[in-house]
Protein backbone atom coordinates (compact mmCIF):
# COMPACT_ATOMS: atom_id res chain seq x y z
CA MET A 1 57.29 226.97 31.17
CA THR A 2 60.95 225.14 31.41
CA LEU A 3 63.41 226.05 28.89
CA ILE A 4 66.56 224.18 28.57
CA LEU A 5 69.72 225.02 26.48
CA ASN A 6 71.29 222.02 24.81
CA THR A 7 75.28 222.59 24.90
CA TRP A 8 75.18 221.84 21.10
CA ILE A 9 74.51 225.70 21.18
CA PHE A 10 78.15 226.20 22.37
CA GLU A 11 79.76 223.85 19.81
CA ALA A 12 82.35 226.65 18.45
CA ASP A 13 83.52 227.05 21.93
CA VAL A 14 83.36 223.43 23.12
CA GLN A 15 85.83 222.77 20.02
CA LYS A 16 88.02 225.35 21.36
CA GLY A 17 88.23 223.39 24.76
CA ALA A 18 85.35 225.25 26.87
CA LYS A 19 84.19 222.67 29.57
CA GLN A 20 80.41 221.95 30.07
CA ALA A 21 80.64 222.85 33.67
CA ASP A 22 81.85 226.28 32.78
CA LEU A 23 78.58 226.54 30.24
CA VAL A 24 76.38 226.14 33.18
CA ASP A 25 77.30 229.57 34.41
CA ARG A 26 76.56 231.01 30.83
CA VAL A 27 73.29 229.27 30.47
CA ALA A 28 71.98 230.65 34.04
CA LYS A 29 73.24 234.15 32.71
CA LEU A 30 71.07 233.84 29.41
CA GLY A 31 67.66 233.08 31.33
CA ALA A 32 67.20 229.44 30.95
CA ASP A 33 66.22 227.07 33.50
CA GLY A 34 68.54 224.41 33.11
CA ILE A 35 71.31 222.92 30.91
CA GLU A 36 71.37 219.72 28.66
CA VAL A 37 74.85 218.32 28.65
CA ARG A 38 76.02 215.87 25.76
CA ARG A 39 78.24 212.96 26.72
CA GLU A 40 80.11 213.17 23.57
CA TYR A 41 81.32 216.54 24.89
CA PHE A 42 83.11 215.50 28.02
CA LYS A 43 86.79 214.74 27.85
CA ASP A 44 87.33 213.60 31.45
CA LEU A 45 84.10 212.35 33.07
CA ASP A 46 85.80 211.84 36.43
CA SER A 47 86.57 215.20 36.81
CA GLU A 48 83.89 217.26 34.62
CA LEU A 49 80.70 215.52 35.94
CA PRO A 50 80.96 216.54 39.68
CA GLU A 51 81.80 219.96 38.35
CA VAL A 52 78.46 220.16 36.32
CA GLY A 53 76.69 219.16 39.46
CA LYS A 54 78.45 221.79 41.69
CA HIS A 55 77.92 224.63 38.95
CA ALA A 56 74.33 223.75 38.56
CA LYS A 57 73.64 223.72 42.31
CA ALA A 58 75.18 227.12 42.72
CA ASN A 59 72.89 228.48 39.95
CA ASN A 60 70.01 226.36 41.04
CA MET A 61 69.99 224.58 37.40
CA ILE A 62 68.35 221.97 36.00
CA VAL A 63 70.55 219.46 34.38
CA ASN A 64 69.50 216.85 31.37
CA TYR A 65 71.79 214.50 30.20
CA SER A 66 71.87 213.41 26.41
CA VAL A 67 73.73 210.01 25.79
CA PRO A 68 74.35 209.21 22.09
CA ASP A 69 73.66 205.69 22.73
CA VAL A 70 71.18 202.88 22.08
CA VAL A 71 68.60 201.29 24.78
CA PHE A 72 68.46 198.04 22.83
CA GLU A 73 71.53 196.59 21.07
CA PRO A 74 71.61 195.04 17.43
CA ASP A 75 70.57 191.75 19.02
CA GLY A 76 67.74 193.30 21.15
CA THR A 77 69.34 192.75 24.49
CA VAL A 78 69.43 195.91 26.88
CA ASN A 79 72.56 198.13 26.50
CA PRO A 80 74.78 196.71 29.38
CA LYS A 81 75.99 200.44 29.61
CA LEU A 82 72.73 202.08 30.82
CA SER A 83 73.38 201.65 34.51
CA GLN A 84 76.87 203.24 34.08
CA TYR A 85 75.08 206.41 31.86
CA PHE A 86 72.67 206.71 34.91
CA ASP A 87 75.54 206.75 37.62
CA GLU A 88 77.19 209.42 35.72
CA GLY A 89 73.66 211.14 35.71
CA LYS A 90 73.54 210.79 39.36
CA THR A 91 76.70 212.54 39.77
CA MET A 92 75.27 215.59 37.83
CA GLY A 93 71.99 215.71 39.90
CA ILE A 94 70.07 215.25 36.51
CA SER A 95 66.27 215.27 36.03
CA LYS A 96 66.18 213.65 32.70
CA ILE A 97 68.29 211.21 30.50
CA LYS A 98 67.83 210.64 26.81
CA PHE A 99 68.76 207.77 24.61
CA ASN A 100 67.88 206.42 21.17
CA THR A 101 65.57 203.38 20.83
CA GLY A 102 67.97 201.03 19.11
CA ASN A 103 66.68 197.53 17.88
CA PHE A 104 63.50 196.96 20.16
CA ASP A 105 62.21 194.91 17.45
CA LYS A 106 64.58 191.98 18.31
CA PHE A 107 64.14 192.40 22.30
CA THR A 108 62.34 188.90 23.73
CA GLY A 109 62.89 189.70 27.49
CA ASP A 110 60.53 191.04 30.30
CA LEU A 111 60.32 194.91 29.98
CA LYS A 112 59.54 195.63 33.54
CA LYS A 113 61.98 193.34 34.98
CA GLU A 114 64.79 194.92 32.88
CA PHE A 115 63.91 198.57 33.52
CA GLU A 116 63.08 197.87 37.47
CA LYS A 117 67.07 198.00 37.33
CA PHE A 118 67.40 201.58 36.44
CA PRO A 119 66.32 204.65 38.82
CA ILE A 120 63.71 205.43 36.40
CA ASP A 121 61.48 206.86 39.26
CA ASP A 122 64.12 209.50 40.42
CA ILE A 123 65.47 210.25 36.77
CA GLU A 124 63.06 210.63 33.85
CA MET A 125 64.26 208.35 31.03
CA ASN A 126 63.37 209.32 27.49
CA VAL A 127 64.07 207.96 23.78
CA GLU A 128 64.42 210.40 20.91
CA ASN A 129 63.90 210.23 17.02
CA ASP A 130 67.31 210.55 15.93
CA GLN A 131 68.57 210.72 12.28
CA THR A 132 68.61 206.79 11.79
CA ALA A 133 66.39 204.39 10.39
CA VAL A 134 66.27 202.16 13.34
CA SER A 135 65.55 204.74 15.98
CA GLY A 136 64.28 208.06 13.98
CA THR A 137 60.81 206.53 13.10
CA VAL A 138 57.37 206.93 14.55
CA GLU A 139 56.72 203.39 14.45
CA ALA A 140 60.13 202.46 16.37
CA ILE A 141 59.30 204.98 19.26
CA LYS A 142 55.60 204.33 19.50
CA THR A 143 56.20 200.51 19.49
CA PHE A 144 58.49 200.55 22.17
CA LEU A 145 56.78 203.17 24.54
CA THR A 146 53.46 201.65 24.07
CA ALA A 147 54.96 198.17 25.02
CA ALA A 148 56.65 199.80 28.02
CA HIS A 149 53.45 201.72 29.23
CA GLN A 150 51.60 198.17 28.80
CA ALA A 151 54.11 196.67 30.94
CA GLY A 152 53.40 199.46 33.84
CA LEU A 153 56.65 201.74 32.85
CA THR A 154 54.58 204.81 32.32
CA GLN A 155 57.85 206.76 33.53
CA LEU A 156 59.28 206.17 30.33
CA GLY A 157 58.89 208.98 27.66
CA TYR A 158 59.62 210.55 24.48
CA VAL A 159 61.67 213.59 23.33
CA TYR A 160 60.09 215.28 20.20
CA ASP A 161 63.14 216.41 17.92
CA LEU A 162 61.72 218.91 15.38
CA GLY A 163 64.84 219.08 13.46
CA ASN A 164 65.55 215.48 12.96
CA TRP A 165 62.48 214.75 11.01
CA ALA A 166 63.57 216.63 8.08
CA PHE A 167 66.70 214.51 7.85
CA THR A 168 64.75 210.97 8.13
CA HIS A 169 62.22 212.59 5.67
CA GLY A 170 59.64 211.76 8.24
CA ASP A 171 56.25 213.98 8.49
CA ALA A 172 56.85 216.18 11.59
CA THR A 173 53.25 216.92 11.96
CA GLU A 174 52.04 213.43 12.02
CA ALA A 175 54.64 212.52 14.19
CA ALA A 176 53.68 215.28 16.68
CA LYS A 177 49.84 213.83 16.57
CA GLU A 178 51.03 210.18 16.89
CA LEU A 179 53.59 210.58 19.53
CA ALA A 180 52.04 213.49 21.74
CA PRO A 181 50.69 211.07 24.16
CA PHE A 182 54.27 209.94 25.10
CA THR A 183 55.98 213.41 24.78
CA HIS A 184 57.72 214.55 27.95
CA TYR A 185 60.21 216.73 26.62
CA ILE A 186 60.73 218.95 23.28
CA HIS A 187 63.76 219.78 21.19
CA LEU A 188 63.40 222.56 19.01
CA LYS A 189 65.43 223.49 15.98
CA ASN A 190 64.71 224.34 12.44
CA THR A 191 66.36 222.79 9.24
CA ILE A 192 67.44 224.44 6.13
CA ASP A 193 66.64 222.47 2.76
CA ASN A 194 69.04 223.91 0.00
CA ASN A 195 67.99 221.68 -3.00
CA GLY A 196 68.23 218.77 -0.89
CA GLU A 197 71.17 219.82 1.07
CA LEU A 198 69.86 219.87 4.64
CA THR A 199 71.65 221.99 7.43
CA THR A 200 70.41 223.01 10.73
CA SER A 201 69.43 226.56 11.06
CA ASP A 202 70.71 228.95 13.67
CA ASP A 203 67.32 230.77 13.90
CA LEU A 204 63.87 228.96 14.89
CA ASP A 205 62.24 231.08 12.49
CA THR A 206 64.34 230.08 9.50
CA GLY A 207 63.77 226.74 7.89
CA VAL A 208 61.06 224.50 6.66
CA PHE A 209 59.03 223.84 9.77
CA ASP A 210 56.34 226.10 11.26
CA TRP A 211 57.66 225.40 14.87
CA ARG A 212 54.56 227.42 16.27
CA LYS A 213 52.03 225.37 14.43
CA LEU A 214 53.56 222.10 15.80
CA LEU A 215 53.61 223.32 19.23
CA THR A 216 49.84 223.61 19.02
CA ILE A 217 49.62 219.94 18.62
CA LEU A 218 52.01 218.78 21.12
CA PRO A 219 51.89 218.88 24.91
CA SER A 220 52.64 222.53 26.44
CA ASP A 221 52.99 221.51 30.12
CA VAL A 222 56.56 219.75 29.30
CA ALA A 223 59.93 221.10 29.17
CA PHE A 224 61.55 222.85 26.04
CA ALA A 225 65.20 222.90 24.72
CA LEU A 226 66.79 224.97 22.25
CA GLU A 227 69.28 223.01 20.32
CA TYR A 228 71.31 224.42 17.50
CA PRO A 229 74.55 226.06 17.14
CA MET A 230 74.82 230.04 17.67
CA ASP A 231 77.49 232.28 17.31
CA SER A 232 77.27 234.44 20.25
CA ASP A 233 75.47 234.84 23.61
CA ALA A 234 73.48 237.84 21.97
CA HIS A 235 72.36 235.79 19.32
CA ILE A 236 71.27 232.97 21.87
CA ALA A 237 69.54 235.67 24.28
CA GLU A 238 67.56 236.88 21.01
CA GLN A 239 66.69 233.11 20.28
CA VAL A 240 65.64 232.49 23.98
CA GLN A 241 63.20 235.62 24.02
CA LEU A 242 61.77 234.81 20.76
CA PHE A 243 60.71 231.59 22.25
CA LYS A 244 59.43 233.00 25.58
CA ASN A 245 57.49 235.69 23.57
CA GLU A 246 55.60 232.90 21.84
CA VAL A 247 55.14 230.22 24.73
CA GLY A 248 54.94 232.76 27.64
CA GLU A 249 57.49 232.92 30.82
């Protein structure tokens, strides 16, 4: 079992100026196998990206890269920035990169030809269900990944983000069943519904989702990430242990 900590966990520290390169060392001490860095948290890519790679290598840590951008632009063309994002990932020595699907429904090109430009044999490329109507539905994700796999791009996969299904009012269980064949990575967080006001919980066991039940539907041989803000390393360590007790070391 591979456990990753997404740096949203350390949001309070990031807001106070903590750099993601320094968070690599903390993640290592907390007993995780790797870190998922968020592009929007970098202030100076040129100096910070190599530092993340250096710290990760020193700690023998996996690095994954969360990029808050779409694969397909509003007109259906492939996002011209994707090559840049892959290059940034290479600087850090990443294993996986994650995007949102975007407007694949308007794409008219040759998928295989478009994606052979990217190093998808070396860096696993995934799309996630986000909190938008464009990229956060089963249909949008399944349509794109089915077409990609039919084009021979079986390297492309899906990040199942549990918490986001609450925000798009999707059925998390049905989504797990439909998208399990494409799932390469699982983001775990729970959501609190306070009379229709949704907030991300700081505890896997508090919220509207039965995460244990959902894990029986999804693949077990993939990497998992905890992705929700927590207030201390002691709290993070407790949540890491909660997860490991359930899933196994």
